[in-house]
N, C-alpha and C. Protein backbone atom coordinates (compact mmCIF):
# COMPACT_ATOMS: atom_id res chain seq x y z
N MET A 1 -18.86 122.27 209.59
CA MET A 1 -19.67 121.51 210.66
C MET A 1 -20.88 121.51 210.04
N THR A 2 -21.66 119.90 209.91
CA THR A 2 -22.81 119.89 209.61
C THR A 2 -23.69 120.49 210.56
N VAL A 3 -24.70 121.14 210.18
CA VAL A 3 -25.84 121.91 210.98
C VAL A 3 -27.26 120.83 210.72
N ARG A 4 -27.69 120.11 211.56
CA ARG A 4 -28.60 119.39 211.67
C ARG A 4 -29.71 120.27 212.10
N PRO A 5 -31.15 119.49 211.06
CA PRO A 5 -32.00 120.38 211.22
C PRO A 5 -32.87 120.21 212.43
N LEU A 6 -33.80 120.97 213.07
CA LEU A 6 -34.46 121.05 214.61
C LEU A 6 -35.35 119.85 214.21
N PRO A 7 -36.11 119.27 215.32
CA PRO A 7 -37.07 118.69 215.21
C PRO A 7 -38.29 119.73 215.17
N ALA A 8 -39.50 119.03 214.50
CA ALA A 8 -40.47 119.93 214.71
C ALA A 8 -41.35 120.31 216.15
N TYR A 9 -41.69 121.44 216.17
CA TYR A 9 -42.08 121.96 217.39
C TYR A 9 -43.19 120.86 218.16
N GLU A 10 -43.91 120.53 216.96
CA GLU A 10 -45.27 119.93 217.75
C GLU A 10 -44.73 118.27 218.16
N LYS A 11 -43.44 117.92 217.34
CA LYS A 11 -43.02 116.70 217.86
C LYS A 11 -42.07 116.45 218.76
N SER A 12 -41.59 117.67 219.27
CA SER A 12 -40.45 117.59 220.43
C SER A 12 -40.84 117.33 221.68
N VAL A 13 -40.37 116.53 222.36
CA VAL A 13 -40.61 116.43 223.78
C VAL A 13 -39.41 116.58 224.51
N PHE A 14 -39.27 117.62 225.35
CA PHE A 14 -37.96 117.59 226.07
C PHE A 14 -38.13 116.47 227.34
N ILE A 15 -36.85 116.21 227.65
CA ILE A 15 -36.74 115.11 228.67
C ILE A 15 -36.40 115.70 229.76
N ASN A 16 -36.45 115.86 231.15
CA ASN A 16 -35.88 116.52 232.04
C ASN A 16 -35.45 115.25 233.48
N CYS A 17 -34.57 114.94 233.28
CA CYS A 17 -34.40 113.99 234.41
C CYS A 17 -32.54 113.82 234.73
N PRO A 18 -32.29 112.89 235.80
CA PRO A 18 -31.00 112.56 235.75
C PRO A 18 -30.16 112.07 234.56
N PHE A 19 -28.84 112.73 234.45
CA PHE A 19 -28.38 111.41 233.39
C PHE A 19 -26.99 110.84 233.98
N ASP A 20 -26.99 110.45 235.35
CA ASP A 20 -26.03 109.46 235.66
C ASP A 20 -26.45 108.10 235.47
N SER A 21 -25.23 107.13 235.91
CA SER A 21 -25.14 105.60 235.47
C SER A 21 -26.46 104.85 236.37
N GLU A 22 -26.84 105.29 237.52
CA GLU A 22 -28.14 104.54 238.01
C GLU A 22 -29.31 104.94 237.62
N TYR A 23 -29.35 106.12 236.82
CA TYR A 23 -30.82 106.43 236.31
C TYR A 23 -30.85 105.96 234.74
N ARG A 24 -29.70 105.45 234.04
CA ARG A 24 -29.93 105.42 233.05
C ARG A 24 -30.85 104.72 232.06
N ASP A 25 -31.37 103.55 232.83
CA ASP A 25 -32.06 102.74 232.34
C ASP A 25 -33.31 103.35 232.33
N LEU A 26 -33.73 104.28 233.08
CA LEU A 26 -35.29 104.64 233.24
C LEU A 26 -34.78 106.28 232.33
N LEU A 27 -33.79 106.95 231.72
CA LEU A 27 -33.94 107.56 230.86
C LEU A 27 -33.90 107.05 229.39
N LEU A 28 -33.35 105.85 229.07
CA LEU A 28 -33.67 105.13 227.94
C LEU A 28 -35.09 104.45 227.95
N ALA A 29 -35.72 104.29 229.20
CA ALA A 29 -37.17 103.89 228.93
C ALA A 29 -38.17 105.35 228.54
N ASN A 30 -37.56 106.47 228.85
CA ASN A 30 -38.14 107.64 228.70
C ASN A 30 -38.07 107.82 227.30
N VAL A 31 -36.93 107.42 226.90
CA VAL A 31 -36.31 107.92 225.32
C VAL A 31 -37.07 107.01 224.47
N PHE A 32 -37.35 105.93 224.93
CA PHE A 32 -37.84 104.90 223.92
C PHE A 32 -39.65 104.89 223.90
N SER A 33 -39.92 105.30 224.98
CA SER A 33 -41.37 105.52 225.12
C SER A 33 -41.83 106.73 224.03
N VAL A 34 -40.88 108.08 224.30
CA VAL A 34 -41.08 109.17 223.48
C VAL A 34 -41.16 108.60 222.16
N PHE A 35 -40.13 107.98 221.52
CA PHE A 35 -39.88 107.89 220.16
C PHE A 35 -40.92 106.90 219.51
N ALA A 36 -41.35 105.81 220.61
CA ALA A 36 -42.32 104.94 219.81
C ALA A 36 -43.70 105.35 219.83
N HIS A 37 -43.94 106.55 220.31
CA HIS A 37 -45.20 107.43 220.06
C HIS A 37 -45.20 108.53 218.80
N GLY A 38 -44.03 108.59 218.06
CA GLY A 38 -43.81 109.25 216.85
C GLY A 38 -43.42 110.35 217.18
N PHE A 39 -42.71 110.92 218.70
CA PHE A 39 -42.09 112.20 218.71
C PHE A 39 -40.60 112.08 218.97
N VAL A 40 -39.87 113.06 219.13
CA VAL A 40 -38.52 112.94 219.01
C VAL A 40 -38.29 113.54 220.46
N PRO A 41 -37.25 112.77 220.90
CA PRO A 41 -36.80 113.18 222.52
C PRO A 41 -35.73 113.94 222.22
N ARG A 42 -36.11 115.09 223.07
CA ARG A 42 -34.86 116.07 223.55
C ARG A 42 -34.51 116.57 224.88
N THR A 43 -33.31 116.71 224.97
CA THR A 43 -32.64 116.71 226.47
C THR A 43 -31.65 117.96 226.40
N ALA A 44 -31.22 118.31 227.52
CA ALA A 44 -30.11 119.49 227.81
C ALA A 44 -28.84 118.51 227.04
N ARG A 45 -28.29 117.53 227.09
CA ARG A 45 -27.30 117.07 226.28
C ARG A 45 -27.33 117.25 224.64
N GLU A 46 -28.29 117.56 223.99
CA GLU A 46 -28.06 117.75 222.64
C GLU A 46 -27.62 119.16 222.30
N THR A 47 -27.28 120.04 223.08
CA THR A 47 -26.55 121.29 222.66
C THR A 47 -25.43 121.06 223.48
N GLU A 48 -24.90 119.82 224.23
CA GLU A 48 -23.31 119.64 224.60
C GLU A 48 -22.40 120.25 223.57
N GLY A 49 -21.65 121.20 224.15
CA GLY A 49 -20.42 121.74 223.24
C GLY A 49 -20.85 123.31 222.71
N ASN A 50 -22.12 123.82 222.80
CA ASN A 50 -22.36 125.06 222.40
C ASN A 50 -22.00 126.13 223.55
N PRO A 51 -21.17 126.93 223.02
CA PRO A 51 -20.76 127.90 223.88
C PRO A 51 -21.79 128.74 225.05
N GLU A 52 -23.08 128.84 224.63
CA GLU A 52 -23.95 129.47 225.25
C GLU A 52 -23.93 128.81 226.82
N PRO A 53 -24.45 129.64 227.69
CA PRO A 53 -24.62 128.94 229.26
C PRO A 53 -25.56 127.76 228.94
N ARG A 54 -25.38 127.05 229.81
CA ARG A 54 -26.41 125.89 230.00
C ARG A 54 -27.97 126.35 230.33
N PHE A 55 -27.83 127.12 231.07
CA PHE A 55 -29.23 127.71 231.14
C PHE A 55 -30.15 128.37 230.21
N SER A 56 -29.33 129.18 229.27
CA SER A 56 -30.03 129.51 228.10
C SER A 56 -30.26 128.35 227.18
N ARG A 57 -29.37 127.26 226.66
CA ARG A 57 -29.65 126.11 226.18
C ARG A 57 -30.70 125.52 226.45
N ILE A 58 -30.70 125.56 227.66
CA ILE A 58 -31.96 124.08 228.11
C ILE A 58 -33.38 125.05 227.97
N LEU A 59 -33.33 126.68 228.29
CA LEU A 59 -34.53 127.28 228.09
C LEU A 59 -34.70 127.18 226.69
N ALA A 60 -34.07 127.59 225.90
CA ALA A 60 -34.47 127.41 224.33
C ALA A 60 -34.89 126.31 223.68
N THR A 61 -34.61 125.16 224.12
CA THR A 61 -34.66 123.65 224.05
C THR A 61 -36.08 123.47 224.34
N ILE A 62 -36.55 123.82 225.95
CA ILE A 62 -38.00 123.54 226.17
C ILE A 62 -39.02 124.64 225.50
N ALA A 63 -38.52 125.90 225.18
CA ALA A 63 -39.23 126.71 224.29
C ALA A 63 -39.55 126.26 222.91
N ALA A 64 -38.48 125.33 222.40
CA ALA A 64 -38.77 124.88 220.97
C ALA A 64 -39.45 123.63 221.06
N SER A 65 -40.14 122.93 222.28
CA SER A 65 -40.55 121.68 222.59
C SER A 65 -42.43 121.90 222.79
N LYS A 66 -43.32 121.38 222.39
CA LYS A 66 -44.38 121.55 222.59
C LYS A 66 -44.62 120.96 223.84
N TYR A 67 -44.08 119.66 224.08
CA TYR A 67 -44.21 118.78 225.40
C TYR A 67 -42.99 118.88 226.27
N SER A 68 -43.15 118.33 227.51
CA SER A 68 -41.97 117.89 228.51
C SER A 68 -42.60 117.20 229.40
N ILE A 69 -41.60 116.47 229.68
CA ILE A 69 -41.35 115.19 231.15
C ILE A 69 -40.60 115.71 232.12
N HIS A 70 -41.04 115.72 233.16
CA HIS A 70 -40.19 115.94 234.37
C HIS A 70 -40.07 115.07 235.61
N ASP A 71 -38.91 114.43 235.57
CA ASP A 71 -38.86 113.42 237.02
C ASP A 71 -38.22 114.07 237.94
N LEU A 72 -39.10 114.37 239.23
CA LEU A 72 -38.54 114.81 240.23
C LEU A 72 -38.52 113.73 241.27
N SER A 73 -38.10 112.73 241.07
CA SER A 73 -37.95 111.56 241.89
C SER A 73 -36.68 111.65 242.77
N ARG A 74 -35.70 112.22 242.38
CA ARG A 74 -34.44 112.63 243.01
C ARG A 74 -34.69 113.79 244.27
N SER A 75 -35.52 113.27 244.98
CA SER A 75 -35.61 114.52 245.99
C SER A 75 -34.99 114.68 247.18
N LYS A 76 -34.54 113.47 247.73
CA LYS A 76 -33.79 113.61 248.68
C LYS A 76 -31.90 113.59 248.86
N GLY A 77 -31.26 114.20 249.74
CA GLY A 77 -29.97 114.41 249.66
C GLY A 77 -29.42 113.11 249.33
N GLU A 78 -28.10 113.75 248.33
CA GLU A 78 -27.36 112.65 248.06
C GLU A 78 -25.74 112.98 248.42
N GLY A 79 -25.02 112.09 248.44
CA GLY A 79 -23.21 112.37 248.40
C GLY A 79 -23.04 112.79 250.08
N ASP A 80 -21.43 113.06 250.29
CA ASP A 80 -21.46 113.45 251.73
C ASP A 80 -22.32 114.75 252.30
N GLU A 81 -22.29 115.73 251.39
CA GLU A 81 -23.14 116.85 252.13
C GLU A 81 -24.70 116.73 251.76
N ASN A 82 -25.11 115.40 251.43
CA ASN A 82 -26.61 115.30 251.42
C ASN A 82 -27.36 116.37 250.82
N LEU A 83 -27.18 116.74 249.70
CA LEU A 83 -27.63 117.57 248.84
C LEU A 83 -28.29 117.05 247.76
N ALA A 84 -29.75 117.75 247.77
CA ALA A 84 -30.76 117.40 246.74
C ALA A 84 -30.28 117.64 245.58
N ARG A 85 -31.02 117.36 244.25
CA ARG A 85 -30.78 117.94 242.92
C ARG A 85 -31.72 118.97 242.85
N LEU A 86 -31.70 120.14 242.50
CA LEU A 86 -32.48 121.08 242.09
C LEU A 86 -32.95 121.55 240.62
N ASN A 87 -31.82 121.05 239.73
CA ASN A 87 -32.10 121.27 238.26
C ASN A 87 -33.29 120.80 237.69
N MET A 88 -33.85 119.63 238.10
CA MET A 88 -35.14 119.02 237.81
C MET A 88 -36.42 120.14 237.88
N PRO A 89 -36.33 120.43 239.13
CA PRO A 89 -37.40 121.51 239.72
C PRO A 89 -37.64 122.75 238.96
N LEU A 90 -36.03 123.33 238.89
CA LEU A 90 -35.86 124.63 238.31
C LEU A 90 -36.28 124.29 236.45
N GLU A 91 -36.14 123.30 235.85
CA GLU A 91 -36.29 123.22 234.60
C GLU A 91 -38.03 122.92 234.51
N LEU A 92 -38.60 122.17 235.37
CA LEU A 92 -40.08 122.03 235.43
C LEU A 92 -40.78 123.65 235.51
N GLY A 93 -39.97 124.36 236.46
CA GLY A 93 -40.59 125.92 236.44
C GLY A 93 -40.48 126.54 235.65
N MET A 94 -39.57 126.28 234.29
CA MET A 94 -39.67 126.87 233.18
C MET A 94 -40.71 126.35 232.04
N ALA A 95 -40.99 125.14 232.32
CA ALA A 95 -42.00 124.51 231.63
C ALA A 95 -43.62 125.16 231.84
N ALA A 96 -43.63 125.17 232.99
CA ALA A 96 -44.85 125.59 233.81
C ALA A 96 -45.28 127.17 233.27
N ALA A 97 -44.27 127.92 233.33
CA ALA A 97 -44.12 129.55 232.59
C ALA A 97 -44.75 129.45 231.63
N PHE A 98 -43.98 128.18 230.45
CA PHE A 98 -44.33 128.57 228.88
C PHE A 98 -45.79 127.93 229.04
N ARG A 99 -46.41 127.26 229.88
CA ARG A 99 -47.72 126.40 229.57
C ARG A 99 -48.24 127.57 229.88
N PHE A 100 -48.73 128.45 230.49
CA PHE A 100 -49.55 129.58 231.27
C PHE A 100 -48.95 130.83 230.31
N GLU A 101 -47.82 130.86 229.77
CA GLU A 101 -47.82 132.32 228.97
C GLU A 101 -48.29 131.99 227.83
N ARG A 102 -48.45 130.92 227.04
CA ARG A 102 -48.57 130.26 225.98
C ARG A 102 -50.18 129.87 225.75
N GLU A 103 -50.89 129.98 226.86
CA GLU A 103 -52.17 129.28 226.87
C GLU A 103 -52.83 130.39 225.86
N ASN A 104 -53.96 129.27 225.09
CA ASN A 104 -54.65 129.77 224.13
C ASN A 104 -54.08 130.39 222.83
N SER A 105 -52.55 130.19 222.82
CA SER A 105 -51.72 130.64 221.58
C SER A 105 -51.59 129.41 220.39
N ASN A 106 -50.88 129.75 219.51
CA ASN A 106 -50.73 128.55 218.59
C ASN A 106 -49.54 128.02 218.70
N ARG A 107 -48.75 128.20 219.66
CA ARG A 107 -47.48 127.39 220.30
C ARG A 107 -47.50 126.58 221.80
N PRO A 108 -48.65 126.09 222.20
CA PRO A 108 -48.71 125.79 223.34
C PRO A 108 -47.86 124.95 223.93
N HIS A 109 -47.72 124.64 225.41
CA HIS A 109 -46.71 123.78 225.80
C HIS A 109 -47.30 123.15 226.78
N ARG A 110 -47.31 121.31 226.88
CA ARG A 110 -47.87 120.85 227.88
C ARG A 110 -46.52 119.86 228.74
N TRP A 111 -46.67 119.78 229.70
CA TRP A 111 -45.90 119.05 230.54
C TRP A 111 -46.63 118.06 231.38
N LEU A 112 -45.82 116.71 231.82
CA LEU A 112 -45.77 115.75 232.69
C LEU A 112 -44.90 116.13 233.61
N ALA A 113 -45.21 115.92 234.90
CA ALA A 113 -44.36 115.49 236.03
C ALA A 113 -44.52 114.07 236.62
N LEU A 114 -43.51 113.55 236.96
CA LEU A 114 -42.97 112.36 237.44
C LEU A 114 -42.59 112.38 238.70
N VAL A 115 -43.14 111.79 239.81
CA VAL A 115 -42.79 111.69 241.02
C VAL A 115 -42.54 110.42 241.71
N PRO A 116 -42.27 110.22 242.77
CA PRO A 116 -42.06 108.92 243.59
C PRO A 116 -43.51 108.50 243.96
N GLU A 117 -43.72 107.30 244.05
CA GLU A 117 -44.95 106.53 244.42
C GLU A 117 -45.36 107.18 245.73
N GLY A 118 -46.69 107.35 246.11
CA GLY A 118 -47.42 107.86 247.68
C GLY A 118 -47.47 109.48 247.23
N TYR A 119 -47.43 109.97 248.52
CA TYR A 119 -47.64 111.25 248.55
C TYR A 119 -46.61 111.94 249.29
N ALA A 120 -45.27 111.80 249.24
CA ALA A 120 -44.07 112.14 249.70
C ALA A 120 -43.69 113.57 248.98
N TYR A 121 -44.02 113.55 247.71
CA TYR A 121 -43.95 114.90 246.90
C TYR A 121 -44.72 116.08 247.44
N GLN A 122 -46.02 115.68 247.99
CA GLN A 122 -46.73 116.73 248.77
C GLN A 122 -45.90 117.62 249.78
N SER A 123 -44.88 117.11 250.32
CA SER A 123 -43.84 117.57 251.28
C SER A 123 -42.53 118.20 250.55
N PHE A 124 -42.38 117.98 249.57
CA PHE A 124 -41.13 118.65 248.95
C PHE A 124 -41.76 119.70 247.71
N VAL A 125 -42.66 119.29 247.34
CA VAL A 125 -43.23 120.21 246.00
C VAL A 125 -44.50 120.46 246.02
N SER A 126 -45.29 120.89 247.09
CA SER A 126 -46.61 120.38 247.41
C SER A 126 -47.49 121.63 246.81
N ASP A 127 -46.85 122.63 246.00
CA ASP A 127 -47.85 123.07 244.53
C ASP A 127 -47.82 122.46 243.43
N LEU A 128 -47.51 121.13 243.27
CA LEU A 128 -47.80 120.07 242.29
C LEU A 128 -49.06 119.44 242.73
N ALA A 129 -49.77 119.13 243.83
CA ALA A 129 -50.90 118.75 244.39
C ALA A 129 -52.02 118.84 243.61
N GLY A 130 -52.39 120.10 243.02
CA GLY A 130 -53.56 120.28 242.01
C GLY A 130 -53.23 119.91 240.46
N PHE A 131 -51.97 119.20 240.11
CA PHE A 131 -51.52 119.09 238.94
C PHE A 131 -52.08 117.22 238.68
N ASP A 132 -51.98 116.58 239.62
CA ASP A 132 -51.96 115.18 239.55
C ASP A 132 -51.06 114.28 238.75
N PRO A 133 -49.49 114.99 239.49
CA PRO A 133 -48.49 114.26 238.72
C PRO A 133 -48.52 112.44 238.69
N ALA A 134 -47.79 111.92 237.73
CA ALA A 134 -47.61 110.50 237.83
C ALA A 134 -46.71 109.82 238.56
N ARG A 135 -47.19 108.92 239.01
CA ARG A 135 -46.44 108.14 240.12
C ARG A 135 -45.39 107.04 239.53
N HIS A 136 -44.19 106.98 240.06
CA HIS A 136 -43.44 105.44 239.05
C HIS A 136 -42.69 105.03 240.67
N ASP A 137 -42.38 103.70 240.46
CA ASP A 137 -41.29 103.26 241.56
C ASP A 137 -40.18 103.14 241.29
N GLY A 138 -39.67 103.72 240.19
CA GLY A 138 -38.08 103.56 239.88
C GLY A 138 -37.87 102.43 239.07
N SER A 139 -38.77 101.61 238.29
CA SER A 139 -38.75 100.80 237.53
C SER A 139 -38.72 101.27 236.18
N VAL A 140 -38.35 100.43 235.16
CA VAL A 140 -38.35 100.47 233.77
C VAL A 140 -40.09 100.63 233.18
N ALA A 141 -40.33 99.42 233.63
CA ALA A 141 -41.72 99.25 233.59
C ALA A 141 -42.76 100.54 234.00
N SER A 142 -42.53 101.28 235.36
CA SER A 142 -43.46 102.27 235.81
C SER A 142 -43.33 103.27 234.94
N ILE A 143 -41.92 103.67 234.33
CA ILE A 143 -41.78 104.69 233.45
C ILE A 143 -42.45 104.46 232.29
N ILE A 144 -42.33 103.64 231.89
CA ILE A 144 -42.93 103.27 230.02
C ILE A 144 -44.74 103.28 230.42
N ARG A 145 -44.96 102.81 231.69
CA ARG A 145 -46.41 103.03 231.83
C ARG A 145 -47.14 104.60 232.04
N GLU A 146 -46.26 104.99 232.86
CA GLU A 146 -46.91 106.50 232.90
C GLU A 146 -46.66 107.39 232.01
N VAL A 147 -45.28 107.42 231.51
CA VAL A 147 -45.23 108.27 230.03
C VAL A 147 -45.98 108.09 228.90
N SER A 148 -46.23 106.55 228.53
CA SER A 148 -47.22 106.03 227.46
C SER A 148 -48.35 106.59 227.88
N ALA A 149 -49.07 106.16 228.91
CA ALA A 149 -50.52 106.97 229.49
C ALA A 149 -50.57 108.38 229.37
N TRP A 150 -49.34 109.13 229.30
CA TRP A 150 -49.59 110.75 229.17
C TRP A 150 -49.55 110.81 227.60
N LEU A 151 -48.71 110.28 226.92
CA LEU A 151 -48.48 110.62 225.85
C LEU A 151 -49.51 110.38 224.46
N ARG A 152 -50.31 109.02 224.91
CA ARG A 152 -51.42 108.70 224.29
C ARG A 152 -52.24 109.43 224.08
N THR A 153 -52.64 110.48 225.00
CA THR A 153 -53.47 111.60 225.02
C THR A 153 -53.40 112.68 224.29
N GLN A 154 -52.10 112.86 223.88
CA GLN A 154 -51.72 114.00 223.45
C GLN A 154 -52.13 114.32 221.61
N ASP A 155 -52.24 115.53 221.01
CA ASP A 155 -52.88 115.79 219.79
C ASP A 155 -52.18 115.25 218.77
N ASP A 156 -50.84 115.01 218.83
CA ASP A 156 -49.71 114.85 218.04
C ASP A 156 -49.03 113.38 217.93
N VAL A 157 -49.92 112.74 218.62
CA VAL A 157 -49.26 111.26 218.81
C VAL A 157 -49.44 110.42 217.56
N LEU A 158 -48.69 109.35 217.57
CA LEU A 158 -48.44 108.60 216.38
C LEU A 158 -49.86 108.09 215.90
N ASP A 159 -50.42 107.41 215.21
CA ASP A 159 -51.63 106.66 215.13
C ASP A 159 -51.07 105.57 213.71
N PRO A 160 -51.52 104.00 214.50
CA PRO A 160 -52.29 103.64 215.86
C PRO A 160 -50.98 104.19 216.68
N VAL A 161 -51.62 104.20 217.93
CA VAL A 161 -50.88 104.38 219.41
C VAL A 161 -50.62 102.99 219.73
N PRO A 162 -49.12 102.93 220.22
CA PRO A 162 -48.67 101.66 220.46
C PRO A 162 -48.96 101.25 222.03
N SER A 163 -48.96 100.20 222.41
CA SER A 163 -49.34 99.95 223.70
C SER A 163 -48.33 99.86 224.77
N ALA A 164 -48.24 99.82 226.12
CA ALA A 164 -47.21 100.11 227.01
C ALA A 164 -46.36 98.79 226.92
N LYS A 165 -47.21 97.83 226.93
CA LYS A 165 -47.00 96.01 226.92
C LYS A 165 -45.87 95.94 225.85
N ASN A 166 -46.25 96.54 224.72
CA ASN A 166 -45.67 96.48 223.35
C ASN A 166 -44.14 97.06 223.57
N ILE A 167 -44.07 97.98 223.90
CA ILE A 167 -42.90 99.07 224.28
C ILE A 167 -42.13 98.57 225.28
N LEU A 168 -42.98 98.14 226.36
CA LEU A 168 -41.73 97.21 227.49
C LEU A 168 -41.28 96.28 227.15
N GLN A 169 -41.81 95.08 226.16
CA GLN A 169 -41.20 93.95 225.54
C GLN A 169 -40.19 94.25 224.63
N ASN A 170 -40.01 95.75 223.90
CA ASN A 170 -39.06 95.54 223.12
C ASN A 170 -38.29 96.20 223.60
N PHE A 171 -38.27 96.94 224.64
CA PHE A 171 -37.10 98.05 225.39
C PHE A 171 -36.03 97.18 225.34
N PRO A 172 -35.46 96.04 225.75
CA PRO A 172 -34.50 95.44 225.93
C PRO A 172 -33.60 95.32 224.69
N SER A 173 -34.27 95.37 223.66
CA SER A 173 -33.57 95.51 222.03
C SER A 173 -32.79 96.63 222.17
N PHE A 174 -33.44 97.88 222.54
CA PHE A 174 -32.84 99.14 222.49
C PHE A 174 -32.12 99.36 223.59
N ARG A 175 -32.08 98.84 224.48
CA ARG A 175 -31.04 99.15 225.82
C ARG A 175 -29.88 98.31 225.37
N ASN A 176 -29.75 97.16 224.61
CA ASN A 176 -28.73 96.58 223.92
C ASN A 176 -27.96 97.05 223.18
N GLU A 177 -28.70 97.94 221.97
CA GLU A 177 -28.44 98.42 221.38
C GLU A 177 -27.54 99.55 221.68
N HIS A 178 -28.19 100.37 222.83
CA HIS A 178 -27.49 101.62 223.45
C HIS A 178 -26.17 101.35 224.53
N ALA A 179 -25.99 99.94 224.63
CA ALA A 179 -25.09 99.51 225.70
C ALA A 179 -23.66 99.28 224.46
N ASN A 180 -23.73 98.87 223.38
CA ASN A 180 -23.02 98.65 222.43
C ASN A 180 -22.78 99.93 221.82
N LEU A 181 -23.35 100.92 221.68
CA LEU A 181 -23.22 102.36 221.35
C LEU A 181 -22.10 102.85 222.18
N ARG A 182 -22.40 102.57 223.52
CA ARG A 182 -21.55 103.26 224.59
C ARG A 182 -20.10 102.75 224.47
N ILE A 183 -20.16 101.09 224.32
CA ILE A 183 -18.73 100.73 224.17
C ILE A 183 -17.99 101.33 222.99
N GLU A 184 -18.55 101.43 221.78
CA GLU A 184 -18.12 102.08 220.54
C GLU A 184 -17.34 103.35 220.69
N ALA A 185 -18.06 104.32 221.38
CA ALA A 185 -18.02 105.51 221.55
C ALA A 185 -17.15 105.69 223.07
N LEU A 186 -16.68 104.49 223.91
CA LEU A 186 -15.89 104.67 224.80
C LEU A 186 -16.41 105.44 225.87
N GLU A 187 -18.00 105.28 225.99
CA GLU A 187 -18.60 105.71 227.11
C GLU A 187 -18.95 107.51 226.86
N LYS A 188 -18.79 107.54 225.93
CA LYS A 188 -18.91 109.15 225.69
C LYS A 188 -19.73 109.41 224.37
N GLU A 189 -21.19 108.59 224.39
CA GLU A 189 -22.15 108.92 223.20
C GLU A 189 -22.49 110.49 222.84
N THR A 190 -22.64 110.78 222.17
CA THR A 190 -23.48 112.35 221.94
C THR A 190 -24.98 111.91 222.04
N TRP A 191 -25.95 112.87 222.26
CA TRP A 191 -27.04 112.93 222.29
C TRP A 191 -27.60 112.27 220.54
N ALA A 192 -27.03 112.93 219.83
CA ALA A 192 -27.03 112.78 218.27
C ALA A 192 -26.90 111.30 217.90
N ASP A 193 -25.95 110.76 218.44
CA ASP A 193 -25.87 109.17 218.37
C ASP A 193 -27.06 108.32 218.88
N VAL A 194 -27.44 109.09 219.85
CA VAL A 194 -28.52 108.18 220.34
C VAL A 194 -29.85 108.45 219.45
N LEU A 195 -30.14 109.48 219.14
CA LEU A 195 -31.40 109.48 217.93
C LEU A 195 -31.00 109.03 216.84
N LEU A 196 -29.43 108.77 216.11
CA LEU A 196 -29.35 108.15 215.15
C LEU A 196 -30.00 106.34 215.67
N LEU A 197 -29.30 106.18 216.65
CA LEU A 197 -29.32 104.51 216.82
C LEU A 197 -31.09 104.19 216.64
N LEU A 198 -31.81 105.30 217.25
CA LEU A 198 -33.33 105.04 217.34
C LEU A 198 -33.87 104.97 215.89
N ARG A 199 -33.07 105.56 214.94
CA ARG A 199 -33.57 105.59 213.86
C ARG A 199 -33.30 104.47 212.65
N ILE A 200 -32.17 104.22 213.30
CA ILE A 200 -31.22 102.70 212.75
C ILE A 200 -32.20 101.48 213.18
N ALA A 201 -32.52 101.48 214.22
CA ALA A 201 -32.81 100.43 214.95
C ALA A 201 -34.63 100.34 214.57
N PHE A 202 -35.06 101.26 214.30
CA PHE A 202 -36.46 101.61 214.09
C PHE A 202 -36.87 102.44 213.07
N PRO A 203 -36.25 102.36 211.81
CA PRO A 203 -36.53 103.25 210.94
C PRO A 203 -37.97 103.41 210.37
N SER A 204 -39.01 102.49 210.42
CA SER A 204 -40.18 102.84 210.10
C SER A 204 -40.66 104.00 210.86
N LEU A 205 -40.31 104.03 212.27
CA LEU A 205 -41.06 104.90 213.51
C LEU A 205 -40.68 106.63 212.67
N SER A 206 -39.09 106.67 212.12
CA SER A 206 -38.95 107.81 211.71
C SER A 206 -39.79 108.59 210.38
N ALA A 207 -40.46 107.27 209.82
CA ALA A 207 -41.06 107.54 208.47
C ALA A 207 -42.37 107.51 208.80
N GLY A 208 -42.72 107.61 210.43
CA GLY A 208 -44.15 107.83 210.62
C GLY A 208 -44.90 106.63 210.38
N VAL A 209 -44.14 105.39 210.34
CA VAL A 209 -45.09 103.97 210.25
C VAL A 209 -45.48 103.62 211.74
N GLY A 210 -46.45 102.92 211.92
CA GLY A 210 -46.76 102.55 213.28
C GLY A 210 -45.84 101.72 213.94
N PHE A 211 -45.78 101.92 215.25
CA PHE A 211 -45.03 100.98 216.03
C PHE A 211 -44.88 99.72 216.06
N GLU A 212 -46.02 99.01 216.27
CA GLU A 212 -46.46 97.71 215.87
C GLU A 212 -45.83 97.06 214.88
N GLY A 213 -45.90 97.84 213.59
CA GLY A 213 -45.64 97.36 212.32
C GLY A 213 -44.09 97.77 212.40
N ALA A 214 -43.47 98.32 212.87
CA ALA A 214 -41.94 98.72 212.82
C ALA A 214 -41.30 97.45 213.41
N ILE A 215 -41.69 97.20 214.98
CA ILE A 215 -41.16 96.21 215.59
C ILE A 215 -41.08 94.93 215.10
N ALA A 216 -42.21 94.64 214.13
CA ALA A 216 -42.68 93.25 213.89
C ALA A 216 -41.40 92.85 212.90
N GLY A 217 -41.10 93.91 211.99
CA GLY A 217 -39.95 93.56 211.21
C GLY A 217 -38.51 94.32 210.75
N GLU A 218 -38.30 95.15 211.92
CA GLU A 218 -37.26 95.64 211.70
C GLU A 218 -36.46 95.82 212.61
N THR A 219 -36.69 95.31 214.02
CA THR A 219 -35.61 95.53 214.97
C THR A 219 -34.72 94.32 214.67
N ARG A 220 -33.20 94.45 215.32
CA ARG A 220 -32.02 93.96 214.95
C ARG A 220 -32.11 92.74 216.51
């Protein structure tokens, strides 16, 4: 079995969000925005098939990432039993612990919380009020806007920094490529497949070349 090298700590961004079909476009918007800024998107899916408990695998991946993004927009009950999803807040708690534990160390952790527009989050996760979480309206454009605004302020961002508008304009190309990938994989693509798709579609980004130049000459 081939052992793939892990991404560099300072280039790793853990994405904590739903993986269902309803959220898929927003997940892809997160992934594309992260990659466009010169980072490597990482999720719980990258360790699927590993015999270790899921909790341990997620904890290890967050620990190996300098950055993380957490979408808490699924705050209401779902299904016949009207249950809310609590995995996202749980994983944000892990990231918050790493942030405070590693403060002033050489392996800091920085995180972004995404919440629904408005102030409803103060009712279901009031302790975030002092952290000024980013708000989105459930659209691809709002996810790209908020994620890009945060990533462009981080130490390890790609130079030159891409514009959110440029990322949004080129997102459909990536979404279409991903749809083709799912067809070829009979809707069972792996996370490694997604990362490979990004590198094939935008090879200059993998080499550290600016996003604007990569988009201009290399999208299919």
